Amino acid sequence: MNRRARIALVLMAVAGALALPAAAWAHAVLERTTPVPSSVVNRTPPVVLLTYSEAVEPRFAIVSVTDAGGGQQIAGSPRRSAADPTTLVVPLRRLSQGWYLVYWRVVSVDGHPVRGAFTFAVGPNPGPAPQFPVPSISETAATPRLITARAIVFLSVMAAIGLFILRIATARPVVRRVPEARLRAVSIAFWIAAVIALIATPVYVVMATAQFALRSVFDFGDVLPLVRDSAFGRGLLDLELAFGLFVLAAALALWVDRPERAQRSIAELLAGAGALLAAGATLLIPGLSGHAAQTSPRGLTLVLDWLHLVAGSVWVGGLIGLLVLWWSLPAARRVAGLMVCVPRFSNTAFVSVVALIGSGIGASLIHLPTLSSLWQTSYGQALLVKIGLLCAALLLAQVNLLRTRPRLAASRERPELGAGAAALLRRLVSAEILLVAAAVVAAAVLSSLPPPAKALAAVGGATRVGPGPVKEVLTRNGYRIELRVSPNRAAAPNMFAIRISRDGKPVRHASVIAGFAMLDMEMGIQRYVLPELAPGLYERAVPALVMVGHWGLSFEITPPGVQAFTFTLVDRTTG
């Protein structure tokens, strides 16, 4: 590889390091309810219907319906609608006249818990809505122990697959070309990574299931029956099964492999191909069981997700294998062994890095609504950390390409260069492994956070308001607009009022439409008409802010005989 190609690699890494983790892309969100939030119904509804953007498991769902005094009004546990798997049905007792709070908590396909609340009333004269004490409607799957467990699972699975590829393909010629060289240590490293993955995966499933079911991790009698009741749990158990089959196939391939022979036998070829196919199937499961399989275009997102994991596995497992090979080779044969293996791994790593970058860029174009969402959202900030770690690892890889590999090649004619090049390789590869492992941890954090909502693309540099009551004065198209939002709390009846004037006179008979878009996760946009209650005053209490977080508030105003104009705010809502 010439200097120009190497410089291009660095530039591509810096420009394209927007590599997203293979995992979840969205959360289950509440799309519609019966009764409608903040509505008044004349008769007691027999059930509350909650329809989400994806099917949720009733056994993980928590739904309460309470009156103003805190009395529980549900008549049974939530169940899935027979007609619509995305709808939960909650049976109710007979309700008296008054207001009621519906509080819900569900677990998404990817294992992310989501909460929310809304109110409705039974009429015909329910009176003013009370201020309900609302339980916390903020929850995250990004807890330290779950992130650690998730990182261990994926790092060990990826390392085992990458170590197998290095052992069966990249490092194989070392045995034939270097006397006394053996690959036993690389095989042992593969088995260690495989055993860790086989143990860590079910442990992580139990830990996550316990947290999402709000039970103790040691309460096995309640937790174990639930592990396959969520798509998240089923996906990880399927990953365990597929990985176990890969380990068996890899064991057979290693058993029949004879690296001292230049030509592989048919048995070796078939066993190696079978193990590689099993590895590919294993790395496809996270996408199939997560939101990559539900994101349009489905085929493209699955391919990008799979390619990202394959490239990462080849890279991280190969680095670990290279370090193990360095330690296991006899000191007198170390430089000779590295001269065989390092150039071959460099070529493989280059292809994997290009694939890693390409899949990351493709996924970024699909899922990141704006460039600014990189630094304006928690998801984007975690992604920036991952980008920094990957860039640092790629820079170390570049040093190996520019310095270590040429020195190893030159040691054929100048043996005094070999020992120094080998020592430099060990230090750089060790640091590179730590950085890539840290990037996998960052990916575990990313997969535990909701990605930015596409609604971010519409807010741009909008004025930011909140938390707490909002009083904002703006000027648009020659109109003076006074906006008030009170109390600006999630799951509470919020009053939105706009006073419009021009040249000191109220603007009457305008059309005012308010739109509400959740910016912290993907949700539908809610729209409400604000009626004119006094000259130039347009006001309405609406149940739009159903969750804690950042909301895009857009107001489309059409004065009589004048073209409509819109202004947007970003509101931070607390519980």
Protein backbone atom coordinates (compact mmCIF):
# COMPACT_ATOMS: atom_id res chain seq x y z
CA MET A 1 0.00 0.00 0.00
CA ASN A 2 1.52 3.34 -1.02
CA ARG A 3 1.61 6.52 1.05
CA ARG A 4 -1.29 8.11 -0.85
CA ALA A 5 -3.54 5.14 -0.12
CA ARG A 6 -2.61 5.23 3.54
CA ILE A 7 -3.35 8.93 3.82
CA ALA A 8 -6.68 8.28 2.11
CA LEU A 9 -7.44 5.66 4.76
CA VAL A 10 -6.93 8.19 7.55
CA LEU A 11 -9.08 10.78 5.79
CA MET A 12 -11.82 8.23 5.23
CA ALA A 13 -11.67 7.22 8.88
CA VAL A 14 -11.99 10.78 10.10
CA ALA A 15 -14.74 11.66 7.63
CA GLY A 16 -16.62 8.43 7.91
CA ALA A 17 -16.29 7.36 11.51
CA LEU A 18 -20.01 7.91 12.02
CA ALA A 19 -20.24 4.19 12.54
CA LEU A 20 -23.43 3.25 14.37
CA PRO A 21 -23.72 0.21 16.60
CA ALA A 22 -25.60 -2.83 15.50
CA ALA A 23 -28.63 -2.73 17.74
CA ALA A 24 -31.82 -0.89 18.36
CA TRP A 25 -32.96 2.08 16.32
CA ALA A 26 -36.13 3.26 18.04
CA HIS A 27 -38.51 2.81 20.97
CA ALA A 28 -42.13 1.75 21.25
CA VAL A 29 -44.18 4.93 21.37
CA LEU A 30 -47.83 5.49 22.21
CA GLU A 31 -49.63 6.42 18.98
CA ARG A 32 -53.28 6.59 20.05
CA THR A 33 -55.52 5.83 23.00
CA THR A 34 -59.14 5.18 23.83
CA PRO A 35 -60.36 7.33 25.52
CA VAL A 36 -58.51 10.16 23.81
CA PRO A 37 -56.16 12.06 26.19
CA SER A 38 -57.85 14.97 28.01
CA SER A 39 -61.20 14.01 26.53
CA VAL A 40 -64.52 13.82 28.36
CA VAL A 41 -66.67 10.72 27.76
CA ASN A 42 -70.30 10.55 28.82
CA ARG A 43 -70.28 6.89 29.85
CA THR A 44 -67.78 4.68 31.65
CA PRO A 45 -65.53 3.02 29.07
CA PRO A 46 -65.26 -0.75 29.66
CA VAL A 47 -61.54 -0.74 28.77
CA VAL A 48 -58.61 1.56 28.10
CA LEU A 49 -56.94 0.86 24.73
CA LEU A 50 -53.27 1.77 24.26
CA THR A 51 -51.90 1.41 20.71
CA TYR A 52 -48.13 1.54 20.23
CA SER A 53 -45.82 1.81 17.24
CA GLU A 54 -44.84 -1.84 17.70
CA ALA A 55 -46.10 -4.90 19.55
CA VAL A 56 -45.27 -4.90 23.26
CA GLU A 57 -45.39 -7.83 25.67
CA PRO A 58 -48.31 -7.55 28.14
CA ARG A 59 -46.41 -9.42 30.86
CA PHE A 60 -43.89 -6.57 30.98
CA ALA A 61 -46.54 -3.84 30.78
CA ILE A 62 -47.61 -1.81 33.81
CA VAL A 63 -50.81 0.21 33.43
CA SER A 64 -52.69 1.98 36.21
CA VAL A 65 -55.87 4.03 36.08
CA THR A 66 -56.37 6.14 39.21
CA ASP A 67 -58.95 8.68 40.33
CA ALA A 68 -58.24 12.04 41.95
CA GLY A 69 -57.87 10.33 45.34
CA GLY A 70 -55.33 7.80 44.07
CA GLY A 71 -57.78 4.88 43.98
CA GLN A 72 -56.94 2.12 41.50
CA GLN A 73 -59.68 1.54 38.91
CA ILE A 74 -58.39 -1.31 36.73
CA ALA A 75 -60.25 -4.62 36.84
CA GLY A 76 -57.51 -6.91 35.51
CA SER A 77 -54.04 -7.16 34.00
CA PRO A 78 -53.24 -5.70 30.56
CA ARG A 79 -53.72 -8.09 27.64
CA ARG A 80 -52.95 -7.92 23.93
CA SER A 81 -55.82 -7.18 21.59
CA ALA A 82 -56.81 -10.20 19.50
CA ALA A 83 -57.42 -7.89 16.54
CA ASP A 84 -54.26 -5.78 16.77
CA PRO A 85 -50.99 -7.01 18.37
CA THR A 86 -49.80 -3.42 18.88
CA THR A 87 -52.76 -2.61 21.16
CA LEU A 88 -52.95 -3.29 24.89
CA VAL A 89 -56.40 -3.74 26.45
CA VAL A 90 -56.83 -2.73 30.11
CA PRO A 91 -60.20 -3.67 31.69
CA LEU A 92 -61.81 -1.05 33.96
CA ARG A 93 -64.18 -1.03 36.87
CA ARG A 94 -67.31 1.06 36.64
CA LEU A 95 -66.09 4.67 36.88
CA SER A 96 -67.92 7.49 38.58
CA GLN A 97 -68.02 11.03 37.22
CA GLY A 98 -64.64 12.77 37.42
CA TRP A 99 -61.09 12.84 36.11
CA TYR A 100 -58.71 9.87 35.84
CA LEU A 101 -54.98 9.45 35.29
CA VAL A 102 -53.69 6.65 33.03
CA TYR A 103 -50.06 5.76 33.71
CA TRP A 104 -48.31 3.23 31.49
CA ARG A 105 -44.93 1.54 31.22
CA VAL A 106 -43.97 -0.89 28.45
CA VAL A 107 -40.81 -2.49 27.11
CA SER A 108 -39.84 -2.02 23.46
CA VAL A 109 -38.79 -4.79 21.11
CA ASP A 110 -35.16 -3.87 21.79
CA GLY A 111 -35.61 -4.05 25.57
CA HIS A 112 -35.89 -0.33 26.21
CA PRO A 113 -38.45 0.68 28.87
CA VAL A 114 -40.74 3.58 27.95
CA ARG A 115 -43.23 5.38 30.22
CA GLY A 116 -45.96 7.98 29.85
CA ALA A 117 -49.23 9.25 31.28
CA PHE A 118 -52.39 11.07 30.23
CA THR A 119 -55.77 12.00 31.67
CA PHE A 120 -59.42 11.62 30.66
CA ALA A 121 -62.74 12.36 32.34
CA VAL A 122 -66.13 10.74 32.72
CA GLY A 123 -68.93 13.30 32.33
CA PRO A 124 -71.16 14.96 31.62
CA ASN A 125 -69.89 17.40 34.30
CA PRO A 126 -66.51 16.16 35.54
CA GLY A 127 -65.36 19.58 36.77
CA PRO A 128 -61.86 21.01 36.39
CA ALA A 129 -58.97 18.59 35.94
CA PRO A 130 -57.04 18.07 39.21
CA GLN A 131 -53.26 18.08 39.47
CA PHE A 132 -52.52 14.35 39.65
CA PRO A 133 -49.34 13.14 41.36
CA VAL A 134 -47.63 11.47 38.37
CA PRO A 135 -45.04 8.70 38.92
CA SER A 136 -41.70 9.15 37.22
CA ILE A 137 -42.12 9.00 33.45
CA SER A 138 -38.39 9.00 32.76
CA GLU A 139 -36.49 5.72 32.55
CA THR A 140 -33.42 4.46 30.75
CA ALA A 141 -31.85 1.14 29.87
CA ALA A 142 -28.41 2.79 30.00
CA THR A 143 -27.57 1.64 33.53
CA PRO A 144 -23.89 0.90 34.28
CA ARG A 145 -24.39 -2.80 34.96
CA LEU A 146 -26.53 -3.41 31.86
CA ILE A 147 -24.11 -1.46 29.67
CA THR A 148 -21.20 -3.48 31.09
CA ALA A 149 -23.00 -6.79 30.56
CA ARG A 150 -24.06 -5.86 27.02
CA ALA A 151 -20.53 -4.78 26.14
CA ILE A 152 -19.09 -8.05 27.48
CA VAL A 153 -21.55 -10.08 25.40
CA PHE A 154 -20.85 -8.34 22.12
CA LEU A 155 -17.12 -7.93 22.69
CA SER A 156 -16.69 -11.63 23.48
CA VAL A 157 -18.86 -12.77 20.55
CA MET A 158 -17.02 -10.48 18.14
CA ALA A 159 -13.61 -11.43 19.55
CA ALA A 160 -14.33 -15.17 19.22
CA ILE A 161 -15.41 -14.81 15.59
CA GLY A 162 -12.45 -12.58 14.75
CA LEU A 163 -10.00 -14.93 16.50
CA PHE A 164 -11.36 -17.88 14.55
CA ILE A 165 -10.94 -16.04 11.24
CA LEU A 166 -7.37 -15.06 12.15
CA ARG A 167 -6.56 -18.64 13.20
CA ILE A 168 -8.17 -20.44 10.23
CA ALA A 169 -7.14 -18.00 7.50
CA THR A 170 -4.81 -15.10 8.26
CA ALA A 171 -2.21 -16.71 10.55
CA ARG A 172 -2.38 -20.22 9.10
CA PRO A 173 0.72 -19.93 6.84
CA VAL A 174 2.91 -19.09 9.85
CA VAL A 175 3.05 -22.77 10.86
CA ARG A 176 4.28 -23.80 7.42
CA ARG A 177 6.77 -20.99 6.87
CA VAL A 178 8.30 -20.50 10.33
CA PRO A 179 9.95 -23.43 12.15
CA GLU A 180 8.68 -24.08 15.71
CA ALA A 181 5.69 -21.76 15.19
CA ARG A 182 2.36 -22.98 16.53
CA LEU A 183 -1.15 -21.52 16.64
CA ARG A 184 -2.24 -23.33 19.80
CA ALA A 185 -2.33 -20.09 21.83
CA VAL A 186 -4.62 -18.41 19.28
CA SER A 187 -6.97 -21.41 19.45
CA ILE A 188 -6.98 -21.18 23.27
CA ALA A 189 -7.79 -17.47 23.06
CA PHE A 190 -10.71 -18.34 20.77
CA TRP A 191 -12.03 -20.85 23.31
CA ILE A 192 -11.70 -18.36 26.17
CA ALA A 193 -13.68 -15.73 24.25
CA ALA A 194 -16.28 -18.33 23.23
CA VAL A 195 -16.81 -19.56 26.80
CA ILE A 196 -17.14 -15.99 28.08
CA ALA A 197 -19.76 -15.24 25.40
CA LEU A 198 -21.72 -18.44 26.11
CA ILE A 199 -21.85 -17.58 29.84
CA ALA A 200 -22.32 -13.82 29.55
CA THR A 201 -25.26 -13.91 27.12
CA PRO A 202 -27.78 -15.74 29.36
CA VAL A 203 -26.55 -13.77 32.38
CA TYR A 204 -27.25 -10.53 30.51
CA VAL A 205 -30.69 -11.77 29.43
CA VAL A 206 -31.62 -12.51 33.06
CA MET A 207 -30.25 -9.17 34.29
CA ALA A 208 -32.09 -7.17 31.63
CA THR A 209 -35.31 -9.15 32.04
CA ALA A 210 -35.25 -8.59 35.81
CA GLN A 211 -34.78 -4.83 35.40
CA PHE A 212 -37.44 -4.46 32.72
CA ALA A 213 -39.88 -6.58 34.75
CA LEU A 214 -39.04 -4.53 37.88
CA ARG A 215 -37.96 -7.63 39.78
CA SER A 216 -34.81 -8.70 41.60
CA VAL A 217 -32.24 -10.44 39.45
CA PHE A 218 -32.11 -13.19 42.11
CA ASP A 219 -35.85 -13.79 41.94
CA PHE A 220 -35.34 -16.63 39.49
CA GLY A 221 -38.80 -18.09 39.96
CA ASP A 222 -40.38 -14.94 38.55
CA VAL A 223 -37.64 -13.85 36.13
CA LEU A 224 -36.74 -17.07 34.28
CA PRO A 225 -40.27 -17.70 32.93
CA LEU A 226 -40.18 -14.20 31.43
CA VAL A 227 -36.89 -14.35 29.51
CA ARG A 228 -38.55 -15.50 26.26
CA ASP A 229 -41.65 -13.36 26.69
CA SER A 230 -40.01 -10.32 25.10
CA ALA A 231 -38.62 -9.98 21.59
CA PHE A 232 -35.48 -8.66 23.24
CA GLY A 233 -35.04 -11.82 25.33
CA ARG A 234 -35.89 -14.13 22.44
CA GLY A 235 -33.39 -12.36 20.23
CA LEU A 236 -30.55 -12.76 22.71
CA LEU A 237 -31.39 -16.41 23.38
CA ASP A 238 -31.44 -16.98 19.62
CA LEU A 239 -28.04 -15.30 19.51
CA GLU A 240 -26.85 -17.74 22.18
CA LEU A 241 -28.13 -20.71 20.16
CA ALA A 242 -26.62 -19.51 16.88
CA PHE A 243 -23.31 -18.70 18.56
CA GLY A 244 -23.27 -22.15 20.19
CA LEU A 245 -23.72 -23.74 16.77
CA PHE A 246 -20.89 -21.56 15.44
CA VAL A 247 -18.62 -22.72 18.28
CA LEU A 248 -19.35 -26.37 17.43
CA ALA A 249 -18.68 -25.72 13.74
CA ALA A 250 -15.49 -23.83 14.59
CA ALA A 251 -14.34 -26.68 16.85
CA LEU A 252 -14.78 -29.12 13.97
CA ALA A 253 -12.93 -26.80 11.58
CA LEU A 254 -10.00 -26.42 13.99
CA TRP A 255 -9.91 -30.17 14.61
CA VAL A 256 -9.61 -31.11 10.93
CA ASP A 257 -7.33 -28.20 10.00
CA ARG A 258 -3.73 -29.09 9.16
CA PRO A 259 -1.90 -25.76 8.79
CA GLU A 260 1.40 -27.49 7.97
CA ARG A 261 -0.09 -28.44 4.58
CA ALA A 262 -0.25 -25.79 1.86
CA GLN A 263 -3.35 -27.25 0.20
CA ARG A 264 -6.50 -27.70 2.25
CA SER A 265 -8.42 -30.93 2.04
CA ILE A 266 -12.09 -31.04 1.06
CA ALA A 267 -12.96 -31.74 4.71
CA GLU A 268 -11.03 -28.64 5.81
CA LEU A 269 -12.69 -26.49 3.18
CA LEU A 270 -16.18 -27.71 4.06
CA ALA A 271 -15.62 -27.37 7.81
CA GLY A 272 -14.16 -23.88 7.50
CA ALA A 273 -16.93 -22.72 5.18
CA GLY A 274 -19.57 -24.10 7.53
CA ALA A 275 -18.07 -22.29 10.50
CA LEU A 276 -17.90 -19.01 8.57
CA LEU A 277 -21.54 -19.36 7.50
CA ALA A 278 -22.50 -19.99 11.15
CA ALA A 279 -20.54 -16.90 12.18
CA GLY A 280 -22.33 -14.81 9.56
CA ALA A 281 -25.72 -16.11 10.74
CA THR A 282 -24.81 -15.31 14.35
CA LEU A 283 -24.02 -11.69 13.50
CA LEU A 284 -27.27 -11.34 11.56
CA ILE A 285 -29.46 -12.10 14.59
CA PRO A 286 -29.01 -8.78 16.46
CA GLY A 287 -30.42 -6.93 13.48
CA LEU A 288 -33.24 -9.39 12.88
CA SER A 289 -34.35 -9.25 16.51
CA GLY A 290 -33.97 -5.49 16.86
CA HIS A 291 -35.28 -2.41 15.12
CA ALA A 292 -32.99 -2.75 12.11
CA ALA A 293 -35.53 -5.31 10.87
CA GLN A 294 -38.34 -2.78 11.33
CA THR A 295 -36.63 0.27 9.84
CA SER A 296 -37.30 1.21 6.24
CA PRO A 297 -35.66 0.28 3.92
CA ARG A 298 -35.54 -3.00 5.86
CA GLY A 299 -33.16 -4.87 3.57
CA LEU A 300 -30.61 -2.07 3.51
CA THR A 301 -30.62 -1.49 7.26
CA LEU A 302 -30.17 -5.21 7.92
CA VAL A 303 -27.23 -5.40 5.52
CA LEU A 304 -25.58 -2.34 7.07
CA ASP A 305 -26.14 -3.68 10.58
CA TRP A 306 -24.69 -7.08 9.68
CA LEU A 307 -21.75 -5.64 7.76
CA HIS A 308 -20.89 -3.37 10.67
CA LEU A 309 -20.72 -6.29 13.09
CA VAL A 310 -18.74 -8.46 10.67
CA ALA A 311 -16.15 -5.73 10.08
CA GLY A 312 -15.85 -5.00 13.79
CA SER A 313 -15.42 -8.69 14.59
CA VAL A 314 -12.63 -9.16 12.05
CA TRP A 315 -10.86 -6.08 13.40
CA VAL A 316 -11.10 -6.60 17.16
CA GLY A 317 -10.64 -10.38 17.06
CA GLY A 318 -7.71 -10.05 14.68
CA LEU A 319 -6.00 -7.52 16.93
CA ILE A 320 -6.37 -9.79 19.96
CA GLY A 321 -5.10 -12.75 17.94
CA LEU A 322 -2.12 -10.77 16.70
CA LEU A 323 -1.15 -9.87 20.26
CA VAL A 324 -1.58 -13.50 21.40
CA LEU A 325 0.57 -14.66 18.49
CA TRP A 326 3.27 -12.15 19.46
CA TRP A 327 3.45 -13.56 22.99
CA SER A 328 3.27 -17.22 21.92
CA LEU A 329 5.95 -17.23 19.24
CA PRO A 330 9.44 -18.25 20.41
CA ALA A 331 11.61 -15.16 20.82
CA ALA A 332 14.00 -16.36 18.13
CA ARG A 333 11.15 -16.87 15.67
CA ARG A 334 8.95 -13.91 16.64
CA VAL A 335 10.09 -11.51 13.95
CA ALA A 336 9.86 -14.18 11.26
CA GLY A 337 6.33 -15.11 12.35
CA LEU A 338 5.22 -11.50 12.43
CA MET A 339 6.69 -10.90 8.97
CA VAL A 340 4.30 -13.57 7.66
CA CYS A 341 1.20 -12.62 9.63
CA VAL A 342 1.27 -8.81 9.91
CA PRO A 343 1.09 -8.01 6.15
CA ARG A 344 -1.77 -10.48 5.70
CA PHE A 345 -3.67 -9.05 8.67
CA SER A 346 -3.01 -5.47 7.50
CA ASN A 347 -4.75 -6.21 4.20
CA THR A 348 -7.69 -7.88 5.99
CA ALA A 349 -7.94 -5.06 8.52
CA PHE A 350 -7.93 -2.46 5.75
CA VAL A 351 -10.93 -4.12 4.07
CA SER A 352 -12.75 -4.44 7.42
CA VAL A 353 -12.12 -0.78 8.29
CA VAL A 354 -13.45 0.34 4.91
CA ALA A 355 -16.54 -1.84 5.47
CA LEU A 356 -16.92 -0.47 8.99
CA ILE A 357 -16.78 3.11 7.72
CA GLY A 358 -19.06 2.47 4.77
CA SER A 359 -21.74 0.74 6.83
CA GLY A 360 -21.54 3.49 9.45
CA ILE A 361 -21.96 6.25 6.90
CA GLY A 362 -24.89 4.46 5.30
CA ALA A 363 -26.63 3.93 8.63
CA SER A 364 -25.95 7.54 9.62
CA LEU A 365 -27.61 8.85 6.48
CA ILE A 366 -30.70 6.79 7.32
CA HIS A 367 -30.96 7.50 11.03
CA LEU A 368 -29.39 10.87 11.87
CA PRO A 369 -31.85 13.66 11.02
CA THR A 370 -29.35 16.53 11.29
CA LEU A 371 -25.65 17.07 11.78
CA SER A 372 -26.36 19.13 14.89
CA SER A 373 -28.07 16.14 16.53
CA LEU A 374 -24.54 14.80 17.07
CA TRP A 375 -23.91 17.36 19.81
CA GLN A 376 -27.44 18.35 20.79
CA THR A 377 -28.70 14.92 21.92
CA SER A 378 -27.45 12.32 24.41
CA TYR A 379 -27.37 9.76 21.61
CA GLY A 380 -25.26 12.04 19.44
CA GLN A 381 -22.87 12.85 22.28
CA ALA A 382 -22.33 9.15 22.95
CA LEU A 383 -21.78 8.66 19.22
CA LEU A 384 -19.13 11.38 19.23
CA VAL A 385 -17.31 9.54 22.01
CA LYS A 386 -17.36 6.40 19.90
CA ILE A 387 -16.13 8.32 16.88
CA GLY A 388 -13.22 9.70 18.91
CA LEU A 389 -12.24 6.23 20.14
CA LEU A 390 -12.40 4.75 16.65
CA CYS A 391 -10.37 7.61 15.19
CA ALA A 392 -7.70 7.11 17.85
CA ALA A 393 -7.59 3.38 17.13
CA LEU A 394 -7.36 4.04 13.39
CA LEU A 395 -4.50 6.46 13.91
CA LEU A 396 -2.58 3.75 15.78
CA ALA A 397 -3.36 1.34 12.96
CA GLN A 398 -1.99 3.93 10.55
CA VAL A 399 1.25 4.10 12.52
CA ASN A 400 1.54 0.33 12.21
CA LEU A 401 1.05 0.61 8.46
CA LEU A 402 3.55 3.43 8.04
CA ARG A 403 6.26 2.31 10.46
CA THR A 404 5.93 -1.21 11.84
CA ARG A 405 5.11 -3.09 8.65
CA PRO A 406 7.92 -1.48 6.58
CA ARG A 407 10.43 -2.13 9.39
CA LEU A 408 9.43 -5.78 9.59
CA ALA A 409 9.86 -6.07 5.82
CA ALA A 410 13.24 -4.35 6.00
CA SER A 411 14.43 -6.69 8.76
CA ARG A 412 15.00 -9.39 6.13
CA GLU A 413 18.08 -7.47 5.02
CA ARG A 414 18.69 -5.56 8.27
CA PRO A 415 17.97 -7.98 11.16
CA GLU A 416 18.71 -5.33 13.79
CA LEU A 417 15.39 -3.62 12.92
CA GLY A 418 13.28 -6.68 13.73
CA ALA A 419 13.28 -6.60 17.54
CA GLY A 420 12.38 -2.90 17.71
CA ALA A 421 9.62 -3.29 15.13
CA ALA A 422 8.15 -6.26 17.03
CA ALA A 423 8.19 -4.34 20.33
CA LEU A 424 6.54 -1.31 18.71
CA LEU A 425 3.89 -3.58 17.19
CA ARG A 426 3.05 -5.07 20.59
CA ARG A 427 2.61 -1.65 22.22
CA LEU A 428 0.52 -0.24 19.39
CA VAL A 429 -1.71 -3.31 19.06
CA SER A 430 -2.28 -3.40 22.84
CA ALA A 431 -3.39 0.23 22.82
CA GLU A 432 -5.50 -0.36 19.73
CA ILE A 433 -7.31 -3.26 21.42
CA LEU A 434 -8.13 -1.07 24.44
CA LEU A 435 -9.50 1.69 22.19
CA VAL A 436 -11.62 -0.67 20.10
CA ALA A 437 -12.94 -2.34 23.26
CA ALA A 438 -13.84 1.09 24.62
CA ALA A 439 -15.64 1.81 21.34
CA VAL A 440 -17.70 -1.37 21.85
CA VAL A 441 -18.65 -0.07 25.33
CA ALA A 442 -19.67 3.22 23.71
CA ALA A 443 -21.75 1.21 21.25
CA ALA A 444 -23.44 -0.50 24.21
CA VAL A 445 -24.33 2.94 25.57
CA LEU A 446 -25.64 4.00 22.16
CA SER A 447 -27.85 0.94 21.84
CA SER A 448 -29.36 1.78 25.24
CA LEU A 449 -30.38 5.29 24.18
CA PRO A 450 -33.16 6.37 21.83
CA PRO A 451 -31.80 7.72 18.53
CA PRO A 452 -32.65 11.31 17.58
CA ALA A 453 -36.12 11.83 16.21
CA LYS A 454 -36.52 12.85 12.58
CA ALA A 455 -38.46 15.85 13.86
CA LEU A 456 -35.10 17.43 14.78
CA ALA A 457 -34.62 18.23 11.11
CA ALA A 458 -37.54 20.67 11.30
CA VAL A 459 -36.47 22.67 14.36
CA GLY A 460 -33.02 23.78 13.18
CA GLY A 461 -31.85 26.79 15.19
CA ALA A 462 -35.20 27.29 16.92
CA THR A 463 -35.42 29.25 20.18
CA ARG A 464 -35.14 27.03 23.25
CA VAL A 465 -37.51 27.43 26.19
CA GLY A 466 -38.26 25.64 29.46
CA PRO A 467 -38.14 23.95 31.82
CA GLY A 468 -40.98 25.55 33.76
CA PRO A 469 -43.68 27.97 32.55
CA VAL A 470 -42.90 29.62 29.22
CA LYS A 471 -43.35 33.33 28.46
CA GLU A 472 -41.83 34.24 25.11
CA VAL A 473 -42.30 37.24 22.83
CA LEU A 474 -41.39 36.94 19.15
CA THR A 475 -41.75 39.00 16.00
CA ARG A 476 -42.64 37.25 12.75
CA ASN A 477 -43.68 38.83 9.42
CA GLY A 478 -44.48 42.12 11.16
CA TYR A 479 -46.66 40.46 13.82
CA ARG A 480 -45.97 40.53 17.54
CA ILE A 481 -46.58 37.13 19.11
CA GLU A 482 -46.77 36.46 22.85
CA LEU A 483 -46.59 32.78 23.74
CA ARG A 484 -47.42 31.27 27.12
CA VAL A 485 -47.18 27.61 28.16
CA SER A 486 -48.27 26.68 31.65
CA PRO A 487 -47.37 24.72 33.72
CA ASN A 488 -45.19 23.11 31.02
CA ARG A 489 -45.14 19.74 32.73
CA ALA A 490 -45.34 16.30 31.20
CA ALA A 491 -48.56 14.32 31.63
CA ALA A 492 -50.38 17.40 32.93
CA PRO A 493 -53.08 19.56 31.27
CA ASN A 494 -50.95 22.31 29.71
CA MET A 495 -52.44 25.60 28.56
CA PHE A 496 -51.04 26.98 25.31
CA ALA A 497 -51.92 30.60 24.66
CA ILE A 498 -50.87 32.86 21.79
CA ARG A 499 -51.68 36.57 21.64
CA ILE A 500 -51.21 38.05 18.15
CA SER A 501 -51.05 41.78 17.43
CA ARG A 502 -49.91 44.12 14.67
CA ASP A 503 -49.26 47.82 15.05
CA GLY A 504 -50.60 47.54 18.60
CA LYS A 505 -53.95 46.10 17.50
CA PRO A 506 -55.11 42.51 18.13
CA VAL A 507 -55.30 40.27 15.09
CA ARG A 508 -58.72 38.63 15.01
CA HIS A 509 -60.15 35.62 13.18
CA ALA A 510 -56.76 34.05 12.46
CA SER A 511 -56.24 30.32 12.11
CA VAL A 512 -53.74 28.98 14.69
CA ILE A 513 -52.63 25.35 14.55
CA ALA A 514 -50.18 24.01 17.14
CA GLY A 515 -47.98 21.01 16.36
CA PHE A 516 -46.06 18.89 18.89
CA ALA A 517 -43.17 16.56 17.99
CA MET A 518 -41.08 14.58 20.47
CA LEU A 519 -37.40 15.22 19.76
CA ASP A 520 -35.79 12.62 22.02
CA MET A 521 -37.33 9.64 20.21
CA GLU A 522 -39.38 8.90 17.12
CA MET A 523 -43.08 9.65 17.67
CA GLY A 524 -45.97 10.90 15.61
CA ILE A 525 -46.73 14.64 15.37
CA GLN A 526 -49.81 15.84 17.26
CA ARG A 527 -51.75 18.85 15.94
CA TYR A 528 -54.42 20.95 17.66
CA VAL A 529 -56.40 24.04 16.63
CA LEU A 530 -56.21 26.90 19.15
CA PRO A 531 -59.57 28.73 19.16
CA GLU A 532 -59.87 32.49 19.60
CA LEU A 533 -61.19 33.10 23.12
CA ALA A 534 -60.74 36.90 23.13
CA PRO A 535 -59.71 39.48 20.51
CA GLY A 536 -56.27 38.35 19.33
CA LEU A 537 -55.99 35.63 22.05
CA TYR A 538 -55.88 32.01 20.90
CA GLU A 539 -55.83 29.52 23.73
CA ARG A 540 -56.42 25.86 24.48
CA ALA A 541 -55.48 23.23 27.07
CA VAL A 542 -54.15 20.15 25.25
CA PRO A 543 -52.60 16.83 26.43
CA ALA A 544 -49.71 17.01 23.99
CA LEU A 545 -46.67 16.83 26.29
CA VAL A 546 -47.05 13.20 27.33
CA MET A 547 -43.39 12.54 28.20
CA VAL A 548 -40.44 14.20 29.90
CA GLY A 549 -37.89 15.49 27.41
CA HIS A 550 -37.47 17.90 24.50
CA TRP A 551 -40.43 18.82 22.31
CA GLY A 552 -40.61 20.73 19.07
CA LEU A 553 -43.52 23.20 19.30
CA SER A 554 -44.59 24.58 15.93
CA PHE A 555 -47.35 27.16 15.42
CA GLU A 556 -48.86 27.77 12.01
CA ILE A 557 -50.61 31.14 11.93
CA THR A 558 -52.83 32.29 9.08
CA PRO A 559 -54.17 35.87 9.56
CA PRO A 560 -57.28 36.74 7.51
CA GLY A 561 -56.37 37.30 3.87
CA VAL A 562 -52.64 36.79 4.51
CA GLN A 563 -50.36 33.89 3.64
CA ALA A 564 -49.65 31.51 6.54
CA PHE A 565 -46.35 31.63 8.41
CA THR A 566 -44.85 29.28 11.00
CA PHE A 567 -42.51 29.61 13.96
CA THR A 568 -40.94 26.81 16.01
CA LEU A 569 -39.61 26.49 19.56
CA VAL A 570 -37.74 23.69 21.32
CA ASP A 571 -39.31 23.14 24.73
CA ARG A 572 -37.78 21.18 27.59
CA THR A 573 -40.53 19.54 29.63
CA THR A 574 -40.06 18.08 33.09
CA GLY A 575 -42.24 15.78 35.19
